[in-house]
N, C-alpha and C. Protein backbone atom coordinates (compact mmCIF):
# COMPACT_ATOMS: atom_id res chain seq x y z
N MET A 1 0.75 -1.32 -0.22
CA MET A 1 -0.05 -0.48 0.21
C MET A 1 0.95 1.37 0.48
N LEU A 2 0.32 2.23 -0.59
CA LEU A 2 1.42 3.39 -0.80
C LEU A 2 0.45 4.39 -0.19
N GLU A 3 1.46 4.99 0.85
CA GLU A 3 0.61 6.13 1.68
C GLU A 3 1.28 7.49 0.70
N LEU A 4 1.12 8.36 0.28
CA LEU A 4 1.53 9.47 -0.35
C LEU A 4 0.77 10.98 0.78
N ASP A 5 2.45 11.55 0.74
CA ASP A 5 1.87 12.88 1.54
C ASP A 5 2.20 14.04 0.42
N LEU A 6 1.47 14.75 -0.28
CA LEU A 6 1.26 15.79 -1.25
C LEU A 6 1.11 17.07 -0.39
N GLN A 7 2.19 17.98 -1.04
CA GLN A 7 2.45 18.97 -0.37
C GLN A 7 2.18 20.12 -1.93
N ASN A 8 1.04 20.76 -1.80
CA ASN A 8 1.53 21.89 -3.09
C ASN A 8 1.76 23.16 -2.62
N ALA A 9 3.16 23.49 -2.99
CA ALA A 9 3.49 24.81 -2.81
C ALA A 9 3.69 25.89 -3.68
N SER A 10 2.85 25.50 -5.16
CA SER A 10 3.01 26.06 -5.85
C SER A 10 1.69 26.82 -6.42
N GLN A 11 1.69 28.08 -7.36
CA GLN A 11 0.61 28.91 -8.03
C GLN A 11 0.27 28.05 -9.38
N GLY A 12 0.95 27.21 -9.92
CA GLY A 12 0.75 26.36 -10.90
C GLY A 12 -0.61 25.42 -11.22
N ALA A 13 -0.81 25.34 -12.40
CA ALA A 13 -1.87 23.93 -12.21
C ALA A 13 -1.19 22.39 -12.20
N VAL A 14 -1.87 21.72 -11.34
CA VAL A 14 -0.65 20.65 -11.33
C VAL A 14 -2.12 19.33 -11.08
N PRO A 15 -1.13 18.24 -11.59
CA PRO A 15 -2.42 16.81 -11.30
C PRO A 15 -3.11 16.83 -10.20
N ASP A 16 -4.20 15.98 -10.48
CA ASP A 16 -5.06 15.60 -9.51
C ASP A 16 -4.38 14.32 -8.47
N GLU A 17 -4.72 14.29 -7.07
CA GLU A 17 -3.70 13.90 -6.12
C GLU A 17 -3.95 12.21 -6.87
N ALA A 18 -5.09 11.58 -7.23
CA ALA A 18 -5.80 10.24 -7.76
C ALA A 18 -4.49 10.32 -9.02
N ALA A 19 -4.19 11.03 -10.10
CA ALA A 19 -3.35 10.78 -10.96
C ALA A 19 -1.55 10.65 -10.21
N LEU A 20 -0.99 11.15 -9.37
CA LEU A 20 0.22 11.59 -8.95
C LEU A 20 0.43 9.77 -8.22
N ARG A 21 -0.84 9.65 -7.47
CA ARG A 21 -1.05 8.32 -6.79
C ARG A 21 -0.87 7.20 -7.82
N ARG A 22 -1.61 7.49 -8.75
CA ARG A 22 -1.56 5.97 -10.13
C ARG A 22 0.05 6.08 -10.68
N TRP A 23 0.55 6.99 -11.13
CA TRP A 23 1.82 7.05 -11.56
C TRP A 23 2.87 6.27 -10.34
N CYS A 24 2.94 7.10 -9.47
CA CYS A 24 3.52 6.13 -8.29
C CYS A 24 3.34 4.80 -7.97
N GLU A 25 2.24 4.67 -8.12
CA GLU A 25 2.04 3.03 -7.49
C GLU A 25 2.42 2.23 -9.06
N LEU A 26 2.44 2.81 -10.30
CA LEU A 26 3.25 2.00 -11.30
C LEU A 26 4.29 1.67 -11.09
N ALA A 27 4.87 3.02 -10.91
CA ALA A 27 6.65 2.77 -10.60
C ALA A 27 7.10 2.16 -9.76
N LEU A 28 6.31 1.84 -8.34
CA LEU A 28 6.75 0.93 -7.59
C LEU A 28 6.15 -0.18 -7.09
N ARG A 29 5.15 -1.04 -8.30
CA ARG A 29 4.45 -2.14 -8.40
C ARG A 29 5.70 -2.96 -7.72
N GLN A 30 7.06 -2.74 -8.33
CA GLN A 30 7.81 -3.95 -7.96
C GLN A 30 8.33 -4.52 -6.77
N ARG A 31 7.95 -3.14 -5.86
CA ARG A 31 8.15 -3.06 -4.31
C ARG A 31 7.01 -4.01 -3.68
N THR A 32 7.08 -5.08 -3.02
CA THR A 32 6.35 -5.77 -2.23
C THR A 32 5.73 -5.11 -1.39
N ALA A 33 6.57 -4.28 -0.53
CA ALA A 33 6.49 -3.91 0.42
C ALA A 33 5.45 -2.48 0.76
N ASP A 34 4.95 -2.17 1.72
CA ASP A 34 4.45 -0.84 1.81
C ASP A 34 5.49 0.59 1.35
N SER A 35 4.80 1.08 0.96
CA SER A 35 5.57 2.58 0.66
C SER A 35 5.32 3.85 1.42
N GLU A 36 5.91 4.60 1.76
CA GLU A 36 5.86 6.14 2.16
C GLU A 36 6.40 7.21 1.27
N LEU A 37 6.01 8.08 0.46
CA LEU A 37 6.81 9.04 0.14
C LEU A 37 5.55 10.65 0.20
N THR A 38 6.32 11.51 0.16
CA THR A 38 6.23 12.91 -0.07
C THR A 38 6.64 13.35 -1.53
N ILE A 39 5.51 14.09 -2.37
CA ILE A 39 5.80 14.78 -3.24
C ILE A 39 5.20 16.16 -2.88
N ARG A 40 6.30 16.93 -2.99
CA ARG A 40 6.22 18.38 -2.93
C ARG A 40 6.29 19.16 -4.42
N LEU A 41 5.33 19.80 -4.71
CA LEU A 41 5.50 20.25 -5.91
C LEU A 41 5.47 21.89 -5.52
N VAL A 42 6.48 22.49 -6.52
CA VAL A 42 7.39 23.75 -5.82
C VAL A 42 7.46 24.72 -6.96
N ASP A 43 7.51 25.88 -6.87
CA ASP A 43 7.36 26.71 -7.95
C ASP A 43 8.94 27.05 -8.42
N GLU A 44 9.59 28.08 -9.26
CA GLU A 44 11.05 27.79 -9.61
C GLU A 44 12.07 28.50 -8.56
N ASP A 45 11.37 29.08 -7.23
CA ASP A 45 12.45 30.11 -5.91
C ASP A 45 12.96 29.15 -5.57
N GLU A 46 11.79 27.91 -5.29
CA GLU A 46 12.26 26.89 -3.98
C GLU A 46 12.90 25.68 -4.98
N GLY A 47 12.51 25.67 -6.24
CA GLY A 47 13.11 24.42 -7.02
C GLY A 47 14.46 24.62 -7.52
N ARG A 48 14.95 26.41 -7.83
CA ARG A 48 16.28 26.62 -7.42
C ARG A 48 16.90 26.63 -6.02
N GLU A 49 16.86 26.79 -5.42
CA GLU A 49 17.57 27.05 -4.08
C GLU A 49 17.58 25.48 -3.40
N LEU A 50 16.55 24.24 -3.58
CA LEU A 50 16.63 22.98 -3.22
C LEU A 50 17.93 22.41 -4.49
N ASN A 51 18.07 22.93 -5.59
CA ASN A 51 19.00 21.99 -6.65
C ASN A 51 20.40 23.14 -5.99
N ALA A 52 20.67 24.49 -5.71
CA ALA A 52 21.78 24.84 -5.51
C ALA A 52 22.30 24.25 -4.50
N THR A 53 21.34 23.85 -3.50
CA THR A 53 21.78 23.31 -1.77
C THR A 53 22.29 21.94 -2.37
N TRP A 54 21.32 21.21 -2.89
CA TRP A 54 21.57 19.77 -3.06
C TRP A 54 22.74 19.34 -3.75
N ARG A 55 22.72 19.83 -5.54
CA ARG A 55 23.25 19.64 -6.19
C ARG A 55 24.54 20.62 -6.76
N HIS A 56 24.33 21.72 -6.13
CA HIS A 56 24.91 22.99 -6.14
C HIS A 56 25.08 23.58 -7.86
N LYS A 57 23.68 23.21 -8.43
CA LYS A 57 23.40 23.79 -9.67
C LYS A 57 22.54 25.19 -9.27
N ASP A 58 22.63 26.25 -10.35
CA ASP A 58 21.81 27.41 -9.46
C ASP A 58 21.10 27.36 -10.66
N TYR A 59 19.79 26.33 -10.69
CA TYR A 59 18.72 26.57 -11.87
C TYR A 59 17.69 25.84 -11.07
N ALA A 60 16.55 25.96 -11.20
CA ALA A 60 15.71 24.86 -10.82
C ALA A 60 15.77 23.66 -12.34
N THR A 61 15.24 22.37 -11.53
CA THR A 61 15.26 21.38 -12.33
C THR A 61 13.71 20.75 -12.42
N ASN A 62 13.59 19.62 -13.15
CA ASN A 62 12.34 19.34 -12.98
C ASN A 62 12.04 18.48 -12.10
N VAL A 63 12.89 17.68 -11.82
CA VAL A 63 12.47 16.40 -10.36
C VAL A 63 13.52 16.32 -9.50
N LEU A 64 13.30 16.50 -8.21
CA LEU A 64 14.83 15.99 -7.62
C LEU A 64 14.28 15.29 -6.25
N SER A 65 15.07 13.80 -6.27
CA SER A 65 14.74 12.78 -5.46
C SER A 65 15.79 12.42 -4.54
N PHE A 66 14.89 12.47 -3.58
CA PHE A 66 15.62 12.56 -2.00
C PHE A 66 15.25 11.43 -1.16
N PRO A 67 16.12 10.02 -1.60
CA PRO A 67 16.07 8.53 -0.98
C PRO A 67 16.05 8.81 0.73
N ALA A 68 14.69 8.32 0.98
CA ALA A 68 15.24 8.28 2.49
C ALA A 68 16.50 7.60 3.08
N ASP A 69 16.95 8.24 4.02
CA ASP A 69 18.39 7.73 4.73
C ASP A 69 18.29 7.22 6.19
N VAL A 70 17.96 6.05 5.89
CA VAL A 70 17.56 4.91 7.34
C VAL A 70 18.93 4.19 7.33
N PRO A 71 19.28 4.68 8.89
CA PRO A 71 20.31 3.76 9.44
C PRO A 71 20.53 2.24 9.11
N GLU A 72 21.64 2.14 8.73
CA GLU A 72 21.87 0.35 8.19
C GLU A 72 22.78 -0.12 9.37
N GLY A 73 22.62 -1.43 9.99
CA GLY A 73 23.68 -2.36 10.40
C GLY A 73 24.82 -2.69 9.66
N PRO A 74 25.40 -3.53 10.52
CA PRO A 74 27.08 -3.87 10.05
C PRO A 74 26.82 -4.57 8.87
N GLY A 75 25.81 -5.52 8.70
CA GLY A 75 25.63 -6.23 7.33
C GLY A 75 24.87 -5.57 6.04
N GLY A 76 24.53 -4.36 6.36
CA GLY A 76 23.75 -3.30 5.32
C GLY A 76 22.49 -3.60 5.49
N GLU A 77 21.80 -4.67 6.77
CA GLU A 77 20.64 -4.24 6.78
C GLU A 77 19.97 -3.11 7.53
N PRO A 78 18.81 -2.56 7.17
CA PRO A 78 17.88 -1.62 7.56
C PRO A 78 17.70 -1.73 9.58
N LEU A 79 18.07 -0.51 9.80
CA LEU A 79 18.16 -0.96 11.51
C LEU A 79 16.83 -0.62 11.72
N LEU A 80 15.91 -0.04 11.13
CA LEU A 80 14.23 0.37 11.21
C LEU A 80 13.64 -0.20 10.23
N ASP A 81 12.44 -0.96 10.83
CA ASP A 81 11.59 -1.13 9.76
C ASP A 81 10.49 -0.38 9.03
N ILE A 82 10.76 0.13 8.66
CA ILE A 82 10.19 1.67 8.21
C ILE A 82 9.78 1.71 6.37
N PRO A 83 8.49 2.06 6.19
CA PRO A 83 8.52 1.46 4.72
C PRO A 83 8.54 3.24 3.87
N LEU A 84 9.42 3.79 4.74
CA LEU A 84 9.71 5.24 4.11
C LEU A 84 10.62 5.46 2.79
N LEU A 85 10.52 5.80 1.88
CA LEU A 85 11.05 6.03 0.45
C LEU A 85 12.34 7.17 0.36
N GLY A 86 11.20 8.29 0.85
CA GLY A 86 11.95 9.21 0.28
C GLY A 86 10.85 10.05 0.28
N ASP A 87 11.46 11.51 -0.80
CA ASP A 87 10.64 12.59 -1.05
C ASP A 87 11.19 13.02 -2.66
N LEU A 88 10.00 13.17 -3.44
CA LEU A 88 10.14 14.01 -4.64
C LEU A 88 9.77 15.62 -4.39
N VAL A 89 10.45 16.03 -5.22
CA VAL A 89 10.45 17.98 -5.40
C VAL A 89 9.83 17.62 -7.05
N ILE A 90 8.71 18.50 -7.61
CA ILE A 90 8.82 18.26 -8.62
C ILE A 90 8.63 20.19 -8.80
N CYS A 91 9.24 20.50 -9.49
CA CYS A 91 8.91 21.87 -9.98
C CYS A 91 8.02 22.67 -11.10
N VAL A 92 6.83 22.85 -10.75
CA VAL A 92 5.89 23.05 -11.58
C VAL A 92 5.88 24.17 -12.87
N PRO A 93 6.74 25.24 -13.37
CA PRO A 93 6.68 25.64 -14.25
C PRO A 93 7.97 25.38 -15.17
N VAL A 94 8.86 24.49 -14.57
CA VAL A 94 9.65 23.60 -15.05
C VAL A 94 9.17 22.40 -16.01
N VAL A 95 8.57 21.81 -15.48
CA VAL A 95 7.22 20.71 -16.03
C VAL A 95 6.78 21.26 -17.18
N GLU A 96 6.16 22.64 -17.04
CA GLU A 96 5.29 22.88 -18.34
C GLU A 96 5.75 23.50 -19.17
N ARG A 97 6.96 23.94 -18.73
CA ARG A 97 8.19 24.96 -19.81
C ARG A 97 8.70 23.52 -20.81
N GLU A 98 9.03 22.89 -20.26
CA GLU A 98 9.32 21.63 -20.90
C GLU A 98 8.89 20.74 -21.42
N ALA A 99 7.33 20.63 -21.03
CA ALA A 99 6.12 20.07 -22.07
C ALA A 99 6.34 20.45 -23.31
N ALA A 100 6.14 22.11 -23.11
CA ALA A 100 5.84 22.64 -24.48
C ALA A 100 6.87 22.82 -25.43
N GLU A 101 8.47 23.16 -24.44
CA GLU A 101 9.43 22.93 -25.39
C GLU A 101 9.68 21.74 -26.64
N GLN A 102 9.30 20.85 -26.14
CA GLN A 102 9.58 19.47 -26.37
C GLN A 102 8.42 18.60 -27.04
N GLY A 103 7.23 19.66 -27.22
CA GLY A 103 6.11 18.84 -28.24
C GLY A 103 5.49 18.11 -27.44
N LYS A 104 5.51 17.80 -26.24
CA LYS A 104 4.81 16.80 -25.09
C LYS A 104 3.85 16.86 -24.98
N ALA A 105 2.92 16.33 -24.44
CA ALA A 105 1.29 16.30 -23.92
C ALA A 105 2.10 16.60 -22.32
N LEU A 106 1.30 17.37 -21.64
CA LEU A 106 1.79 17.99 -20.52
C LEU A 106 1.31 16.81 -19.82
N ASP A 107 0.15 15.86 -19.70
CA ASP A 107 0.00 14.79 -18.89
C ASP A 107 1.14 13.63 -18.63
N ALA A 108 1.32 13.84 -19.99
CA ALA A 108 2.15 12.49 -19.92
C ALA A 108 3.58 13.04 -19.91
N HIS A 109 4.29 13.97 -19.85
CA HIS A 109 5.57 14.54 -18.84
C HIS A 109 5.32 14.48 -17.20
N TRP A 110 4.17 14.95 -16.82
CA TRP A 110 4.18 14.63 -15.70
C TRP A 110 4.09 13.02 -15.13
N ALA A 111 3.74 12.26 -15.64
CA ALA A 111 3.79 10.81 -15.54
C ALA A 111 4.79 10.51 -15.23
N HIS A 112 5.72 10.84 -16.57
CA HIS A 112 6.89 10.47 -16.63
C HIS A 112 8.01 11.19 -15.92
N LEU A 113 7.67 12.25 -15.58
CA LEU A 113 8.70 12.71 -14.37
C LEU A 113 8.37 11.76 -13.00
N VAL A 114 7.07 12.05 -12.77
CA VAL A 114 7.07 10.92 -11.26
C VAL A 114 7.27 9.73 -11.01
N ILE A 115 7.43 9.26 -12.60
CA ILE A 115 7.85 7.61 -12.50
C ILE A 115 9.06 7.58 -12.09
N HIS A 116 9.66 8.60 -13.04
CA HIS A 116 11.48 8.46 -12.75
C HIS A 116 11.97 9.17 -11.50
N GLY A 117 10.93 9.72 -10.79
CA GLY A 117 11.40 10.39 -9.59
C GLY A 117 11.27 9.10 -8.57
N CYS A 118 10.25 8.10 -8.93
CA CYS A 118 10.20 7.20 -8.08
C CYS A 118 11.21 5.96 -8.68
N LEU A 119 11.43 5.70 -9.39
CA LEU A 119 12.27 4.71 -9.82
C LEU A 119 13.89 5.44 -9.02
N HIS A 120 13.91 6.67 -8.97
CA HIS A 120 15.49 7.11 -8.51
C HIS A 120 15.17 6.41 -6.53
N LEU A 121 13.74 6.71 -6.39
CA LEU A 121 13.88 6.27 -4.89
C LEU A 121 14.32 5.00 -4.57
N LEU A 122 13.91 4.18 -5.68
CA LEU A 122 13.83 2.56 -5.35
C LEU A 122 15.51 2.85 -5.80
N GLY A 123 16.26 3.16 -5.97
CA GLY A 123 17.98 3.21 -6.45
C GLY A 123 18.11 3.16 -7.84
N TYR A 124 17.00 3.22 -8.94
CA TYR A 124 17.59 3.41 -10.04
C TYR A 124 18.57 4.67 -10.50
N ASP A 125 19.49 4.64 -11.67
CA ASP A 125 19.88 5.79 -11.92
C ASP A 125 20.59 5.82 -13.17
N HIS A 126 20.92 6.81 -13.66
CA HIS A 126 21.28 6.80 -14.97
C HIS A 126 22.61 7.71 -15.10
N LEU A 127 23.50 7.71 -14.37
CA LEU A 127 24.92 7.85 -14.49
C LEU A 127 25.58 7.35 -15.36
N GLU A 128 25.39 5.87 -15.58
CA GLU A 128 26.56 5.34 -16.45
C GLU A 128 25.37 4.76 -17.45
N ASP A 129 26.13 4.45 -18.97
CA ASP A 129 25.30 3.96 -19.70
C ASP A 129 24.33 2.80 -19.60
N ASP A 130 24.97 1.74 -19.31
CA ASP A 130 23.99 0.55 -18.86
C ASP A 130 22.61 0.75 -17.76
N GLU A 131 23.10 1.91 -16.96
CA GLU A 131 21.99 2.24 -15.83
C GLU A 131 21.24 3.03 -16.59
N ALA A 132 21.44 3.74 -17.07
CA ALA A 132 20.26 4.61 -17.78
C ALA A 132 19.84 3.60 -18.86
N GLU A 133 20.18 2.79 -19.60
CA GLU A 133 19.32 1.85 -20.23
C GLU A 133 18.39 1.26 -19.60
N GLU A 134 18.93 0.46 -18.54
CA GLU A 134 18.04 -0.33 -17.87
C GLU A 134 16.79 0.88 -17.27
N MET A 135 17.10 1.86 -16.90
CA MET A 135 15.98 2.61 -16.07
C MET A 135 14.93 3.72 -17.23
N GLU A 136 15.52 3.74 -18.12
CA GLU A 136 14.82 4.35 -19.24
C GLU A 136 14.06 3.23 -20.26
N SER A 137 14.53 1.65 -20.20
CA SER A 137 13.62 0.90 -20.87
C SER A 137 12.63 0.86 -20.03
N LEU A 138 12.64 0.62 -18.23
CA LEU A 138 11.70 0.97 -17.54
C LEU A 138 10.43 1.71 -17.73
N GLU A 139 11.35 3.16 -17.67
CA GLU A 139 10.06 4.14 -18.19
C GLU A 139 9.15 4.06 -19.26
N ARG A 140 9.95 3.57 -20.05
CA ARG A 140 9.09 3.69 -22.27
C ARG A 140 7.97 2.25 -21.47
N GLU A 141 8.37 1.30 -20.35
CA GLU A 141 7.96 0.05 -20.87
C GLU A 141 6.24 0.72 -19.52
N LEU A 142 6.48 1.31 -18.72
CA LEU A 142 5.91 2.22 -17.68
C LEU A 142 4.67 2.95 -18.49
N LEU A 143 5.46 4.03 -19.49
CA LEU A 143 4.69 4.92 -19.71
C LEU A 143 3.78 4.21 -20.96
N ALA A 144 4.03 3.41 -21.55
CA ALA A 144 3.11 2.91 -22.37
C ALA A 144 2.29 1.85 -22.15
N GLU A 145 2.28 1.58 -20.72
CA GLU A 145 1.10 1.04 -20.46
C GLU A 145 -0.26 1.79 -19.90
N LEU A 146 0.66 3.36 -19.51
CA LEU A 146 -0.42 4.66 -19.57
C LEU A 146 -0.72 4.61 -20.97
N GLY A 147 -0.36 4.26 -21.70
CA GLY A 147 -0.86 5.21 -23.43
C GLY A 147 0.08 5.91 -23.57
N HIS A 148 1.01 6.44 -23.43
CA HIS A 148 1.95 7.67 -23.21
C HIS A 148 3.13 7.46 -24.28
N PRO A 149 3.75 7.85 -25.12
CA PRO A 149 4.59 7.42 -26.11
C PRO A 149 5.92 7.56 -25.38
N ASP A 150 7.13 7.24 -25.66
CA ASP A 150 8.51 7.00 -25.69
C ASP A 150 8.52 8.46 -25.39
N PRO A 151 9.37 8.54 -24.10
CA PRO A 151 9.70 10.59 -23.64
C PRO A 151 10.94 10.92 -23.87
N TYR A 152 12.25 9.66 -24.79
CA TYR A 152 12.88 9.75 -24.80
C TYR A 152 13.15 9.27 -26.30
N ALA A 153 12.16 9.41 -27.47
CA ALA A 153 12.18 9.51 -28.93
C ALA A 153 12.42 10.85 -29.11
N GLY A 154 13.73 10.47 -30.34
CA GLY A 154 13.89 11.83 -30.91
C GLY A 154 15.03 12.41 -29.98
N ASP A 155 15.74 11.82 -28.49
CA ASP A 155 16.93 12.33 -27.68
C ASP A 155 17.99 11.86 -28.46
N GLU A 156 19.04 12.78 -28.46
CA GLU A 156 20.39 12.49 -29.09
C GLU A 156 21.32 12.05 -27.90
N ASN A 157 21.18 10.71 -27.86
CA ASN A 157 21.98 10.53 -26.31
C ASN A 157 23.63 9.46 -27.13
């Protein structure tokens, strides 16, 4: 079961909670345990401040993922049995601008970024080419289930 804490700190139009939940549940379905996560929807000032603080990049980005920092024992097992996955911060104006610039349906871009962020919380990454291919392949598969096109079509990677 997914426990979603939705925080809307944006003045922009955002998807409803049911859509956000559906996208999270789709991305997290491989996880058999209960899951708790927070999605905070922000405007550019807060998005820029968070990106500068945590990634040392002075601009607002579309989605930031903050995996929960659960302490581990000497064998790497979690010391606390809690379902907390972490937090996603999504910058609403950046999502809107990117969708328009890239000629993507706004709903499809929202779904992609929520799924992308959730996969980061599960430990997926895209720093190395093989990691990127695995993560992007899963994103394509999940978005296709929603009837959305390949979000990476036309990318020059």
